[in-house]
């Protein structure tokens, strides 16, 4: 069994689009489970109300970015879902995966070898 980080866009201009990104993450996490692996799905941390995680204080983007990068480093693979190439956060996660020689799997199931091959 592998520990698989599920990566793709989270932020969007509307709550409806954010909800769609969360649903896409859930669908990709399902693929991970069906393949016999355990998904690590950061998008699920925000379901409902993020203040339930943070209480009365605001967390910064930096806390999330650094923490999620730590999760990537501890996983065996990164599986992407649609729209990943437009997300700065996901691109940082992919770069970190490459740095640690962690395989990155595209939505098609192909292995991403380099960001240059995608013109990003």
PDB file of N, CA and C in Angstrom:
ATOM      1  N   UNK A   1       0.844  -1.180   0.000  1.00  0.00           N
ATOM      2  CA  UNK A   1       0.000   0.000   0.000  1.00  0.00           C
ATOM      3  C   UNK A   1       0.886   1.239   0.000  1.00  0.00           C
ATOM      4  N   UNK A   2       0.488   2.210  -0.812  1.00  0.00           N
ATOM      5  CA  UNK A   2       1.209   3.485  -0.883  1.00  0.00           C
ATOM      6  C   UNK A   2       0.385   4.582  -0.218  1.00  0.00           C
ATOM      7  N   UNK A   3       1.095   5.566   0.300  1.00  0.00           N
ATOM      8  CA  UNK A   3       0.487   6.791   0.803  1.00  0.00           C
ATOM      9  C   UNK A   3       0.537   7.782  -0.353  1.00  0.00           C
ATOM     10  N   UNK A   4      -0.636   8.201  -0.837  1.00  0.00           N
ATOM     11  CA  UNK A   4      -0.723   9.008  -2.059  1.00  0.00           C
ATOM     12  C   UNK A   4      -1.309  10.383  -1.755  1.00  0.00           C
ATOM     13  N   UNK A   5      -0.543  11.415  -2.074  1.00  0.00           N
ATOM     14  CA  UNK A   5      -0.969  12.805  -1.913  1.00  0.00           C
ATOM     15  C   UNK A   5      -1.818  13.185  -3.118  1.00  0.00           C
ATOM     16  N   UNK A   6      -3.030  13.677  -2.876  1.00  0.00           N
ATOM     17  CA  UNK A   6      -3.945  14.107  -3.930  1.00  0.00           C
ATOM     18  C   UNK A   6      -3.797  15.619  -4.101  1.00  0.00           C
ATOM     19  N   UNK A   7      -3.425  16.042  -5.313  1.00  0.00           N
ATOM     20  CA  UNK A   7      -3.107  17.456  -5.546  1.00  0.00           C
ATOM     21  C   UNK A   7      -3.871  18.014  -6.734  1.00  0.00           C
ATOM     22  N   UNK A   8      -4.294  19.257  -6.553  1.00  0.00           N
ATOM     23  CA  UNK A   8      -4.982  19.987  -7.609  1.00  0.00           C
ATOM     24  C   UNK A   8      -5.433  21.318  -7.048  1.00  0.00           C
ATOM     25  N   UNK A   9      -6.112  22.100  -7.850  1.00  0.00           N
ATOM     26  CA  UNK A   9      -6.499  23.439  -7.409  1.00  0.00           C
ATOM     27  C   UNK A   9      -7.495  23.401  -6.261  1.00  0.00           C
ATOM     28  N   UNK A  10      -7.366  24.374  -5.390  1.00  0.00           N
ATOM     29  CA  UNK A  10      -8.348  24.574  -4.321  1.00  0.00           C
ATOM     30  C   UNK A  10      -9.032  25.927  -4.516  1.00  0.00           C
ATOM     31  N   UNK A  11      -8.245  26.975  -4.503  1.00  0.00           N
ATOM     32  CA  UNK A  11      -8.806  28.336  -4.596  1.00  0.00           C
ATOM     33  C   UNK A  11      -9.487  28.567  -5.935  1.00  0.00           C
ATOM     34  N   UNK A  12     -10.498  29.442  -5.882  1.00  0.00           N
ATOM     35  CA  UNK A  12     -11.240  29.816  -7.084  1.00  0.00           C
ATOM     36  C   UNK A  12     -12.000  31.106  -6.764  1.00  0.00           C
ATOM     37  N   UNK A  13     -12.474  31.799  -7.797  1.00  0.00           N
ATOM     38  CA  UNK A  13     -13.171  33.072  -7.575  1.00  0.00           C
ATOM     39  C   UNK A  13     -14.488  32.944  -6.806  1.00  0.00           C
ATOM     40  N   UNK A  14     -15.151  31.795  -6.895  1.00  0.00           N
ATOM     41  CA  UNK A  14     -16.442  31.647  -6.219  1.00  0.00           C
ATOM     42  C   UNK A  14     -16.437  30.408  -5.321  1.00  0.00           C
ATOM     43  N   UNK A  15     -17.320  30.413  -4.341  1.00  0.00           N
ATOM     44  CA  UNK A  15     -17.460  29.249  -3.459  1.00  0.00           C
ATOM     45  C   UNK A  15     -17.912  28.025  -4.253  1.00  0.00           C
ATOM     46  N   UNK A  16     -18.738  28.244  -5.248  1.00  0.00           N
ATOM     47  CA  UNK A  16     -19.200  27.141  -6.095  1.00  0.00           C
ATOM     48  C   UNK A  16     -18.016  26.459  -6.784  1.00  0.00           C
ATOM     49  N   UNK A  17     -17.080  27.245  -7.277  1.00  0.00           N
ATOM     50  CA  UNK A  17     -15.902  26.679  -7.934  1.00  0.00           C
ATOM     51  C   UNK A  17     -14.977  25.985  -6.928  1.00  0.00           C
ATOM     52  N   UNK A  18     -14.865  26.540  -5.728  1.00  0.00           N
ATOM     53  CA  UNK A  18     -14.083  25.882  -4.677  1.00  0.00           C
ATOM     54  C   UNK A  18     -14.713  24.530  -4.353  1.00  0.00           C
ATOM     55  N   UNK A  19     -16.034  24.503  -4.220  1.00  0.00           N
ATOM     56  CA  UNK A  19     -16.740  23.250  -3.952  1.00  0.00           C
ATOM     57  C   UNK A  19     -16.492  22.226  -5.061  1.00  0.00           C
ATOM     58  N   UNK A  20     -16.442  22.690  -6.298  1.00  0.00           N
ATOM     59  CA  UNK A  20     -16.162  21.797  -7.438  1.00  0.00           C
ATOM     60  C   UNK A  20     -14.741  21.236  -7.319  1.00  0.00           C
ATOM     61  N   UNK A  21     -13.789  22.075  -6.924  1.00  0.00           N
ATOM     62  CA  UNK A  21     -12.412  21.603  -6.744  1.00  0.00           C
ATOM     63  C   UNK A  21     -12.335  20.554  -5.638  1.00  0.00           C
ATOM     64  N   UNK A  22     -13.091  20.761  -4.568  1.00  0.00           N
ATOM     65  CA  UNK A  22     -13.122  19.782  -3.479  1.00  0.00           C
ATOM     66  C   UNK A  22     -13.725  18.468  -3.974  1.00  0.00           C
ATOM     67  N   UNK A  23     -14.780  18.549  -4.750  1.00  0.00           N
ATOM     68  CA  UNK A  23     -15.390  17.332  -5.305  1.00  0.00           C
ATOM     69  C   UNK A  23     -14.416  16.597  -6.229  1.00  0.00           C
ATOM     70  N   UNK A  24     -13.667  17.342  -7.025  1.00  0.00           N
ATOM     71  CA  UNK A  24     -12.663  16.713  -7.892  1.00  0.00           C
ATOM     72  C   UNK A  24     -11.592  16.007  -7.064  1.00  0.00           C
ATOM     73  N   UNK A  25     -11.205  16.613  -5.947  1.00  0.00           N
ATOM     74  CA  UNK A  25     -10.221  15.990  -5.060  1.00  0.00           C
ATOM     75  C   UNK A  25     -10.791  14.699  -4.467  1.00  0.00           C
ATOM     76  N   UNK A  26     -12.053  14.724  -4.090  1.00  0.00           N
ATOM     77  CA  UNK A  26     -12.694  13.527  -3.530  1.00  0.00           C
ATOM     78  C   UNK A  26     -12.741  12.413  -4.568  1.00  0.00           C
ATOM     79  N   UNK A  27     -13.070  12.754  -5.800  1.00  0.00           N
ATOM     80  CA  UNK A  27     -13.110  11.741  -6.858  1.00  0.00           C
ATOM     81  C   UNK A  27     -11.725  11.131  -7.100  1.00  0.00           C
ATOM     82  N   UNK A  28     -10.700  11.979  -7.062  1.00  0.00           N
ATOM     83  CA  UNK A  28      -9.341  11.466  -7.255  1.00  0.00           C
ATOM     84  C   UNK A  28      -8.916  10.605  -6.063  1.00  0.00           C
ATOM     85  N   UNK A  29      -9.302  11.012  -4.854  1.00  0.00           N
ATOM     86  CA  UNK A  29      -9.013  10.212  -3.664  1.00  0.00           C
ATOM     87  C   UNK A  29      -9.682   8.842  -3.772  1.00  0.00           C
ATOM     88  N   UNK A  30     -10.856   8.817  -4.346  1.00  0.00           N
ATOM     89  CA  UNK A  30     -11.558   7.537  -4.570  1.00  0.00           C
ATOM     90  C   UNK A  30     -10.746   6.651  -5.503  1.00  0.00           C
ATOM     91  N   UNK A  31     -10.182   7.243  -6.568  1.00  0.00           N
ATOM     92  CA  UNK A  31      -9.323   6.475  -7.475  1.00  0.00           C
ATOM     93  C   UNK A  31      -8.138   5.860  -6.718  1.00  0.00           C
ATOM     94  N   UNK A  32      -7.567   6.655  -5.825  1.00  0.00           N
ATOM     95  CA  UNK A  32      -6.428   6.191  -5.027  1.00  0.00           C
ATOM     96  C   UNK A  32      -6.847   4.986  -4.183  1.00  0.00           C
ATOM     97  N   UNK A  33      -7.996   5.103  -3.518  1.00  0.00           N
ATOM     98  CA  UNK A  33      -8.503   3.999  -2.696  1.00  0.00           C
ATOM     99  C   UNK A  33      -8.785   2.754  -3.527  1.00  0.00           C
ATOM    100  N   UNK A  34      -9.409   2.934  -4.684  1.00  0.00           N
ATOM    101  CA  UNK A  34      -9.732   1.796  -5.547  1.00  0.00           C
ATOM    102  C   UNK A  34      -8.476   1.091  -6.062  1.00  0.00           C
ATOM    103  N   UNK A  35      -7.370   1.822  -6.104  1.00  0.00           N
ATOM    104  CA  UNK A  35      -6.091   1.234  -6.521  1.00  0.00           C
ATOM    105  C   UNK A  35      -5.394   0.540  -5.346  1.00  0.00           C
ATOM    106  N   UNK A  36      -6.033   0.547  -4.180  1.00  0.00           N
ATOM    107  CA  UNK A  36      -5.473  -0.143  -3.026  1.00  0.00           C
ATOM    108  C   UNK A  36      -4.502   0.684  -2.205  1.00  0.00           C
ATOM    109  N   UNK A  37      -4.574   1.998  -2.361  1.00  0.00           N
ATOM    110  CA  UNK A  37      -3.682   2.906  -1.647  1.00  0.00           C
ATOM    111  C   UNK A  37      -4.467   3.807  -0.703  1.00  0.00           C
ATOM    112  N   UNK A  38      -3.743   4.509   0.149  1.00  0.00           N
ATOM    113  CA  UNK A  38      -4.383   5.431   1.098  1.00  0.00           C
ATOM    114  C   UNK A  38      -4.185   6.873   0.631  1.00  0.00           C
ATOM    115  N   UNK A  39      -5.285   7.612   0.368  1.00  0.00           N
ATOM    116  CA  UNK A  39      -5.152   8.996  -0.091  1.00  0.00           C
ATOM    117  C   UNK A  39      -4.902   9.966   1.062  1.00  0.00           C
ATOM    118  N   UNK A  40      -4.041  10.933   0.798  1.00  0.00           N
ATOM    119  CA  UNK A  40      -3.845  12.092   1.670  1.00  0.00           C
ATOM    120  C   UNK A  40      -4.462  13.241   0.884  1.00  0.00           C
ATOM    121  N   UNK A  41      -5.596  13.750   1.361  1.00  0.00           N
ATOM    122  CA  UNK A  41      -6.398  14.702   0.582  1.00  0.00           C
ATOM    123  C   UNK A  41      -6.582  15.996   1.361  1.00  0.00           C
ATOM    124  N   UNK A  42      -5.662  16.956   1.194  1.00  0.00           N
ATOM    125  CA  UNK A  42      -5.740  18.215   1.943  1.00  0.00           C
ATOM    126  C   UNK A  42      -7.032  18.987   1.738  1.00  0.00           C
ATOM    127  N   UNK A  43      -7.661  18.844   0.585  1.00  0.00           N
ATOM    128  CA  UNK A  43      -8.905  19.560   0.314  1.00  0.00           C
ATOM    129  C   UNK A  43      -9.978  19.239   1.354  1.00  0.00           C
ATOM    130  N   UNK A  44      -9.925  18.059   1.924  1.00  0.00           N
ATOM    131  CA  UNK A  44     -10.936  17.655   2.891  1.00  0.00           C
ATOM    132  C   UNK A  44     -10.797  18.376   4.229  1.00  0.00           C
ATOM    133  N   UNK A  45      -9.659  19.005   4.463  1.00  0.00           N
ATOM    134  CA  UNK A  45      -9.465  19.763   5.700  1.00  0.00           C
ATOM    135  C   UNK A  45     -10.343  21.009   5.754  1.00  0.00           C
ATOM    136  N   UNK A  46     -10.837  21.447   4.597  1.00  0.00           N
ATOM    137  CA  UNK A  46     -11.590  22.697   4.552  1.00  0.00           C
ATOM    138  C   UNK A  46     -13.096  22.498   4.465  1.00  0.00           C
ATOM    139  N   UNK A  47     -13.546  21.256   4.411  1.00  0.00           N
ATOM    140  CA  UNK A  47     -14.987  21.030   4.265  1.00  0.00           C
ATOM    141  C   UNK A  47     -15.726  21.579   5.479  1.00  0.00           C
ATOM    142  N   UNK A  48     -16.804  22.253   5.213  1.00  0.00           N
ATOM    143  CA  UNK A  48     -17.579  22.878   6.283  1.00  0.00           C
ATOM    144  C   UNK A  48     -17.088  24.280   6.515  1.00  0.00           C
ATOM    145  N   UNK A  49     -16.332  24.453   7.564  1.00  0.00           N
ATOM    146  CA  UNK A  49     -15.882  25.788   7.928  1.00  0.00           C
ATOM    147  C   UNK A  49     -14.454  25.704   8.444  1.00  0.00           C
ATOM    148  N   UNK A  50     -13.536  26.367   7.786  1.00  0.00           N
ATOM    149  CA  UNK A  50     -12.134  26.281   8.196  1.00  0.00           C
ATOM    150  C   UNK A  50     -11.907  26.873   9.575  1.00  0.00           C
ATOM    151  N   UNK A  51     -12.818  27.702  10.066  1.00  0.00           N
ATOM    152  CA  UNK A  51     -12.618  28.241  11.412  1.00  0.00           C
ATOM    153  C   UNK A  51     -12.739  27.147  12.461  1.00  0.00           C
ATOM    154  N   UNK A  52     -13.367  26.026  12.104  1.00  0.00           N
ATOM    155  CA  UNK A  52     -13.438  24.927  13.064  1.00  0.00           C
ATOM    156  C   UNK A  52     -12.051  24.345  13.319  1.00  0.00           C
ATOM    157  N   UNK A  53     -11.148  24.505  12.361  1.00  0.00           N
ATOM    158  CA  UNK A  53      -9.764  24.052  12.539  1.00  0.00           C
ATOM    159  C   UNK A  53      -8.932  25.080  13.277  1.00  0.00           C
ATOM    160  N   UNK A  54      -9.193  26.335  13.016  1.00  0.00           N
ATOM    161  CA  UNK A  54      -8.304  27.380  13.525  1.00  0.00           C
ATOM    162  C   UNK A  54      -8.830  28.087  14.761  1.00  0.00           C
ATOM    163  N   UNK A  55     -10.065  27.846  15.130  1.00  0.00           N
ATOM    164  CA  UNK A  55     -10.634  28.538  16.289  1.00  0.00           C
ATOM    165  C   UNK A  55     -10.822  30.012  15.980  1.00  0.00           C
ATOM    166  N   UNK A  56     -10.376  30.864  16.880  1.00  0.00           N
ATOM    167  CA  UNK A  56     -10.627  32.293  16.721  1.00  0.00           C
ATOM    168  C   UNK A  56      -9.496  33.023  16.015  1.00  0.00           C
ATOM    169  N   UNK A  57      -8.435  32.315  15.638  1.00  0.00           N
ATOM    170  CA  UNK A  57      -7.345  33.007  14.966  1.00  0.00           C
ATOM    171  C   UNK A  57      -7.270  32.606  13.497  1.00  0.00           C
ATOM    172  N   UNK A  58      -6.668  33.465  12.716  1.00  0.00           N
ATOM    173  CA  UNK A  58      -6.524  33.219  11.288  1.00  0.00           C
ATOM    174  C   UNK A  58      -5.196  32.514  11.013  1.00  0.00           C
ATOM    175  N   UNK A  59      -5.241  31.460  10.233  1.00  0.00           N
ATOM    176  CA  UNK A  59      -3.989  30.857   9.800  1.00  0.00           C
ATOM    177  C   UNK A  59      -3.545  31.587   8.542  1.00  0.00           C
ATOM    178  N   UNK A  60      -2.286  31.560   8.304  1.00  0.00           N
ATOM    179  CA  UNK A  60      -1.773  32.234   7.121  1.00  0.00           C
ATOM    180  C   UNK A  60      -1.575  31.242   5.991  1.00  0.00           C
ATOM    181  N   UNK A  61      -1.522  31.758   4.779  1.00  0.00           N
ATOM    182  CA  UNK A  61      -1.232  30.918   3.622  1.00  0.00           C
ATOM    183  C   UNK A  61       0.095  30.202   3.807  1.00  0.00           C
ATOM    184  N   UNK A  62       1.043  30.872   4.415  1.00  0.00           N
ATOM    185  CA  UNK A  62       2.370  30.286   4.603  1.00  0.00           C
ATOM    186  C   UNK A  62       2.299  29.009   5.449  1.00  0.00           C
ATOM    187  N   UNK A  63       1.473  29.009   6.489  1.00  0.00           N
ATOM    188  CA  UNK A  63       1.319  27.819   7.328  1.00  0.00           C
ATOM    189  C   UNK A  63       0.795  26.658   6.490  1.00  0.00           C
ATOM    190  N   UNK A  64      -0.223  26.924   5.674  1.00  0.00           N
ATOM    191  CA  UNK A  64      -0.781  25.867   4.825  1.00  0.00           C
ATOM    192  C   UNK A  64       0.249  25.393   3.813  1.00  0.00           C
ATOM    193  N   UNK A  65       0.896  26.333   3.115  1.00  0.00           N
ATOM    194  CA  UNK A  65       1.877  25.952   2.090  1.00  0.00           C
ATOM    195  C   UNK A  65       2.982  25.084   2.676  1.00  0.00           C
ATOM    196  N   UNK A  66       3.567  25.534   3.773  1.00  0.00           N
ATOM    197  CA  UNK A  66       4.673  24.784   4.382  1.00  0.00           C
ATOM    198  C   UNK A  66       4.210  23.422   4.898  1.00  0.00           C
ATOM    199  N   UNK A  67       3.057  23.393   5.514  1.00  0.00           N
ATOM    200  CA  UNK A  67       2.545  22.136   6.044  1.00  0.00           C
ATOM    201  C   UNK A  67       2.226  21.129   4.956  1.00  0.00           C
ATOM    202  N   UNK A  68       1.627  21.608   3.870  1.00  0.00           N
ATOM    203  CA  UNK A  68       1.274  20.691   2.792  1.00  0.00           C
ATOM    204  C   UNK A  68       2.515  20.174   2.076  1.00  0.00           C
ATOM    205  N   UNK A  69       3.540  21.000   1.964  1.00  0.00           N
ATOM    206  CA  UNK A  69       4.802  20.544   1.379  1.00  0.00           C
ATOM    207  C   UNK A  69       5.395  19.425   2.236  1.00  0.00           C
ATOM    208  N   UNK A  70       5.279  19.553   3.557  1.00  0.00           N
ATOM    209  CA  UNK A  70       5.754  18.488   4.443  1.00  0.00           C
ATOM    210  C   UNK A  70       4.996  17.185   4.186  1.00  0.00           C
ATOM    211  N   UNK A  71       3.699  17.292   3.948  1.00  0.00           N
ATOM    212  CA  UNK A  71       2.916  16.094   3.635  1.00  0.00           C
ATOM    213  C   UNK A  71       3.393  15.451   2.334  1.00  0.00           C
ATOM    214  N   UNK A  72       3.643  16.263   1.310  1.00  0.00           N
ATOM    215  CA  UNK A  72       4.130  15.734   0.034  1.00  0.00           C
ATOM    216  C   UNK A  72       5.403  14.922   0.256  1.00  0.00           C
ATOM    217  N   UNK A  73       6.323  15.470   1.038  1.00  0.00           N
ATOM    218  CA  UNK A  73       7.614  14.816   1.274  1.00  0.00           C
ATOM    219  C   UNK A  73       7.470  13.448   1.927  1.00  0.00           C
ATOM    220  N   UNK A  74       6.370  13.227   2.619  1.00  0.00           N
ATOM    221  CA  UNK A  74       6.174  11.969   3.348  1.00  0.00           C
ATOM    222  C   UNK A  74       5.360  10.933   2.574  1.00  0.00           C
ATOM    223  N   UNK A  75       4.892  11.313   1.399  1.00  0.00           N
ATOM    224  CA  UNK A  75       4.072  10.406   0.596  1.00  0.00           C
ATOM    225  C   UNK A  75       4.915   9.647  -0.422  1.00  0.00           C
ATOM    226  N   UNK A  76       4.334   8.538  -0.897  1.00  0.00           N
ATOM    227  CA  UNK A  76       5.015   7.691  -1.879  1.00  0.00           C
ATOM    228  C   UNK A  76       4.766   8.136  -3.314  1.00  0.00           C
ATOM    229  N   UNK A  77       3.628   8.760  -3.544  1.00  0.00           N
ATOM    230  CA  UNK A  77       3.274   9.262  -4.868  1.00  0.00           C
ATOM    231  C   UNK A  77       2.413  10.507  -4.712  1.00  0.00           C
ATOM    232  N   UNK A  78       2.327  11.280  -5.805  1.00  0.00           N
ATOM    233  CA  UNK A  78       1.402  12.415  -5.895  1.00  0.00           C
ATOM    234  C   UNK A  78       0.512  12.149  -7.098  1.00  0.00           C
ATOM    235  N   UNK A  79      -0.795  12.171  -6.876  1.00  0.00           N
ATOM    236  CA  UNK A  79      -1.752  12.008  -7.966  1.00  0.00           C
ATOM    237  C   UNK A  79      -2.452  13.348  -8.182  1.00  0.00           C
ATOM    238  N   UNK A  80      -2.408  13.820  -9.418  1.00  0.00           N
ATOM    239  CA  UNK A  80      -2.997  15.110  -9.777  1.00  0.00           C
ATOM    240  C   UNK A  80      -4.414  14.937 -10.294  1.00  0.00           C
ATOM    241  N   UNK A  81      -5.209  15.999 -10.175  1.00  0.00           N
ATOM    242  CA  UNK A  81      -6.511  16.009 -10.835  1.00  0.00           C
ATOM    243  C   UNK A  81      -6.618  17.251 -11.714  1.00  0.00           C
ATOM    244  N   UNK A  82      -7.624  17.277 -12.575  1.00  0.00           N
ATOM    245  CA  UNK A  82      -7.768  18.322 -13.594  1.00  0.00           C
ATOM    246  C   UNK A  82      -7.630  19.727 -13.023  1.00  0.00           C
ATOM    247  N   UNK A  83      -6.933  20.565 -13.781  1.00  0.00           N
ATOM    248  CA  UNK A  83      -6.713  21.950 -13.413  1.00  0.00           C
ATOM    249  C   UNK A  83      -5.435  22.167 -12.619  1.00  0.00           C
ATOM    250  N   UNK A  84      -4.710  21.112 -12.327  1.00  0.00           N
ATOM    251  CA  UNK A  84      -3.503  21.196 -11.487  1.00  0.00           C
ATOM    252  C   UNK A  84      -2.483  22.169 -12.033  1.00  0.00           C
ATOM    253  N   UNK A  85      -2.358  22.234 -13.362  1.00  0.00           N
ATOM    254  CA  UNK A  85      -1.309  23.057 -13.973  1.00  0.00           C
ATOM    255  C   UNK A  85      -1.572  24.555 -13.836  1.00  0.00           C
ATOM    256  N   UNK A  86      -2.769  24.930 -13.391  1.00  0.00           N
ATOM    257  CA  UNK A  86      -3.111  26.345 -13.197  1.00  0.00           C
ATOM    258  C   UNK A  86      -3.020  26.768 -11.731  1.00  0.00           C
ATOM    259  N   UNK A  87      -2.613  25.859 -10.869  1.00  0.00           N
ATOM    260  CA  UNK A  87      -2.565  26.123  -9.440  1.00  0.00           C
ATOM    261  C   UNK A  87      -1.120  26.300  -8.976  1.00  0.00           C
ATOM    262  N   UNK A  88      -0.794  27.494  -8.498  1.00  0.00           N
ATOM    263  CA  UNK A  88       0.569  27.751  -8.012  1.00  0.00           C
ATOM    264  C   UNK A  88       0.937  26.825  -6.858  1.00  0.00           C
ATOM    265  N   UNK A  89      -0.021  26.560  -5.975  1.00  0.00           N
ATOM    266  CA  UNK A  89       0.236  25.668  -4.856  1.00  0.00           C
ATOM    267  C   UNK A  89       0.540  24.256  -5.324  1.00  0.00           C
ATOM    268  N   UNK A  90      -0.246  23.769  -6.278  1.00  0.00           N
ATOM    269  CA  UNK A  90      -0.011  22.421  -6.802  1.00  0.00           C
ATOM    270  C   UNK A  90       1.316  22.356  -7.538  1.00  0.00           C
ATOM    271  N   UNK A  91       1.663  23.381  -8.284  1.00  0.00           N
ATOM    272  CA  UNK A  91       2.953  23.388  -8.983  1.00  0.00           C
ATOM    273  C   UNK A  91       4.111  23.317  -7.994  1.00  0.00           C
ATOM    274  N   UNK A  92       3.986  24.003  -6.860  1.00  0.00           N
ATOM    275  CA  UNK A  92       5.024  23.925  -5.819  1.00  0.00           C
ATOM    276  C   UNK A  92       5.099  22.509  -5.255  1.00  0.00           C
ATOM    277  N   UNK A  93       3.948  21.874  -5.079  1.00  0.00           N
ATOM    278  CA  UNK A  93       3.925  20.497  -4.574  1.00  0.00           C
ATOM    279  C   UNK A  93       4.563  19.539  -5.570  1.00  0.00           C
ATOM    280  N   UNK A  94       4.298  19.733  -6.847  1.00  0.00           N
ATOM    281  CA  UNK A  94       4.899  18.887  -7.884  1.00  0.00           C
ATOM    282  C   UNK A  94       6.416  19.073  -7.906  1.00  0.00           C
ATOM    283  N   UNK A  95       6.868  20.307  -7.817  1.00  0.00           N
ATOM    284  CA  UNK A  95       8.317  20.562  -7.786  1.00  0.00           C
ATOM    285  C   UNK A  95       8.965  19.861  -6.589  1.00  0.00           C
ATOM    286  N   UNK A  96       8.305  19.916  -5.437  1.00  0.00           N
ATOM    287  CA  UNK A  96       8.829  19.256  -4.241  1.00  0.00           C
ATOM    288  C   UNK A  96       8.858  17.738  -4.446  1.00  0.00           C
ATOM    289  N   UNK A  97       7.838  17.200  -5.067  1.00  0.00           N
ATOM    290  CA  UNK A  97       7.822  15.761  -5.351  1.00  0.00           C
ATOM    291  C   UNK A  97       9.001  15.389  -6.251  1.00  0.00           C
ATOM    292  N   UNK A  98       9.224  16.170  -7.306  1.00  0.00           N
ATOM    293  CA  UNK A  98      10.365  15.903  -8.188  1.00  0.00           C
ATOM    294  C   UNK A  98      11.676  15.965  -7.415  1.00  0.00           C
ATOM    295  N   UNK A  99      11.798  16.963  -6.559  1.00  0.00           N
ATOM    296  CA  UNK A  99      13.016  17.141  -5.760  1.00  0.00           C
ATOM    297  C   UNK A  99      13.300  15.905  -4.898  1.00  0.00           C
ATOM    298  N   UNK A 100      12.243  15.257  -4.430  1.00  0.00           N
ATOM    299  CA  UNK A 100      12.384  14.079  -3.565  1.00  0.00           C
ATOM    300  C   UNK A 100      12.204  12.768  -4.332  1.00  0.00           C
ATOM    301  N   UNK A 101      12.173  12.875  -5.662  1.00  0.00           N
ATOM    302  CA  UNK A 101      12.019  11.705  -6.528  1.00  0.00           C
ATOM    303  C   UNK A 101      10.743  10.903  -6.227  1.00  0.00           C
ATOM    304  N   UNK A 102       9.696  11.633  -5.946  1.00  0.00           N
ATOM    305  CA  UNK A 102       8.382  11.034  -5.698  1.00  0.00           C
ATOM    306  C   UNK A 102       7.620  11.042  -7.022  1.00  0.00           C
ATOM    307  N   UNK A 103       7.135   9.891  -7.471  1.00  0.00           N
ATOM    308  CA  UNK A 103       6.391   9.863  -8.738  1.00  0.00           C
ATOM    309  C   UNK A 103       5.150  10.739  -8.697  1.00  0.00           C
ATOM    310  N   UNK A 104       4.914  11.438  -9.811  1.00  0.00           N
ATOM    311  CA  UNK A 104       3.749  12.317  -9.969  1.00  0.00           C
ATOM    312  C   UNK A 104       2.902  11.730 -11.093  1.00  0.00           C
ATOM    313  N   UNK A 105       1.646  11.453 -10.774  1.00  0.00           N
ATOM    314  CA  UNK A 105       0.749  10.790 -11.715  1.00  0.00           C
ATOM    315  C   UNK A 105      -0.304  11.780 -12.217  1.00  0.00           C
ATOM    316  N   UNK A 106      -0.386  11.907 -13.526  1.00  0.00           N
ATOM    317  CA  UNK A 106      -1.361  12.798 -14.162  1.00  0.00           C
ATOM    318  C   UNK A 106      -2.775  12.215 -14.064  1.00  0.00           C
ATOM    319  N   UNK A 107      -3.806  13.030 -14.297  1.00  0.00           N
ATOM    320  CA  UNK A 107      -5.172  12.512 -14.283  1.00  0.00           C
ATOM    321  C   UNK A 107      -5.380  11.348 -15.263  1.00  0.00           C
ATOM    322  N   UNK A 108      -4.619  11.327 -16.347  1.00  0.00           N
ATOM    323  CA  UNK A 108      -4.716  10.259 -17.344  1.00  0.00           C
ATOM    324  C   UNK A 108      -4.100   8.953 -16.867  1.00  0.00           C
ATOM    325  N   UNK A 109      -3.348   9.001 -15.778  1.00  0.00           N
ATOM    326  CA  UNK A 109      -2.658   7.815 -15.283  1.00  0.00           C
ATOM    327  C   UNK A 109      -1.197   7.764 -15.696  1.00  0.00           C
ATOM    328  N   UNK A 110      -0.810   8.654 -16.607  1.00  0.00           N
ATOM    329  CA  UNK A 110       0.590   8.709 -17.029  1.00  0.00           C
ATOM    330  C   UNK A 110       1.446   9.337 -15.931  1.00  0.00           C
ATOM    331  N   UNK A 111       2.724   8.979 -15.955  1.00  0.00           N
ATOM    332  CA  UNK A 111       3.672   9.574 -15.026  1.00  0.00           C
ATOM    333  C   UNK A 111       4.191  10.882 -15.613  1.00  0.00           C
ATOM    334  N   UNK A 112       4.130  11.942 -14.842  1.00  0.00           N
ATOM    335  CA  UNK A 112       4.687  13.228 -15.250  1.00  0.00           C
ATOM    336  C   UNK A 112       6.185  13.190 -14.975  1.00  0.00           C
ATOM    337  N   UNK A 113       6.972  13.427 -15.970  1.00  0.00           N
ATOM    338  CA  UNK A 113       8.422  13.326 -15.818  1.00  0.00           C
ATOM    339  C   UNK A 113       9.079  14.678 -15.572  1.00  0.00           C
ATOM    340  N   UNK A 114       8.458  15.735 -16.114  1.00  0.00           N
ATOM    341  CA  UNK A 114       9.068  17.066 -16.016  1.00  0.00           C
ATOM    342  C   UNK A 114       8.006  18.100 -16.341  1.00  0.00           C
ATOM    343  N   UNK A 115       8.045  19.225 -15.633  1.00  0.00           N
ATOM    344  CA  UNK A 115       7.080  20.285 -15.917  1.00  0.00           C
ATOM    345  C   UNK A 115       7.309  20.898 -17.293  1.00  0.00           C
ATOM    346  N   UNK A 116       8.522  20.828 -17.802  1.00  0.00           N
ATOM    347  CA  UNK A 116       8.821  21.405 -19.113  1.00  0.00           C
ATOM    348  C   UNK A 116       8.053  20.686 -20.213  1.00  0.00           C
ATOM    349  N   UNK A 117       7.785  19.398 -20.040  1.00  0.00           N
ATOM    350  CA  UNK A 117       7.063  18.660 -21.062  1.00  0.00           C
ATOM    351  C   UNK A 117       5.617  19.132 -21.170  1.00  0.00           C
ATOM    352  N   UNK A 118       5.149  19.866 -20.176  1.00  0.00           N
ATOM    353  CA  UNK A 118       3.783  20.381 -20.173  1.00  0.00           C
ATOM    354  C   UNK A 118       3.734  21.863 -20.526  1.00  0.00           C
ATOM    355  N   UNK A 119       4.877  22.460 -20.860  1.00  0.00           N
ATOM    356  CA  UNK A 119       4.955  23.903 -21.179  1.00  0.00           C
ATOM    357  C   UNK A 119       4.449  24.764 -20.035  1.00  0.00           C
ATOM    358  N   UNK A 120       4.870  24.429 -18.826  1.00  0.00           N
ATOM    359  CA  UNK A 120       4.458  25.196 -17.645  1.00  0.00           C
ATOM    360  C   UNK A 120       5.652  25.972 -17.138  1.00  0.00           C
TER     361      UNK A 120
END
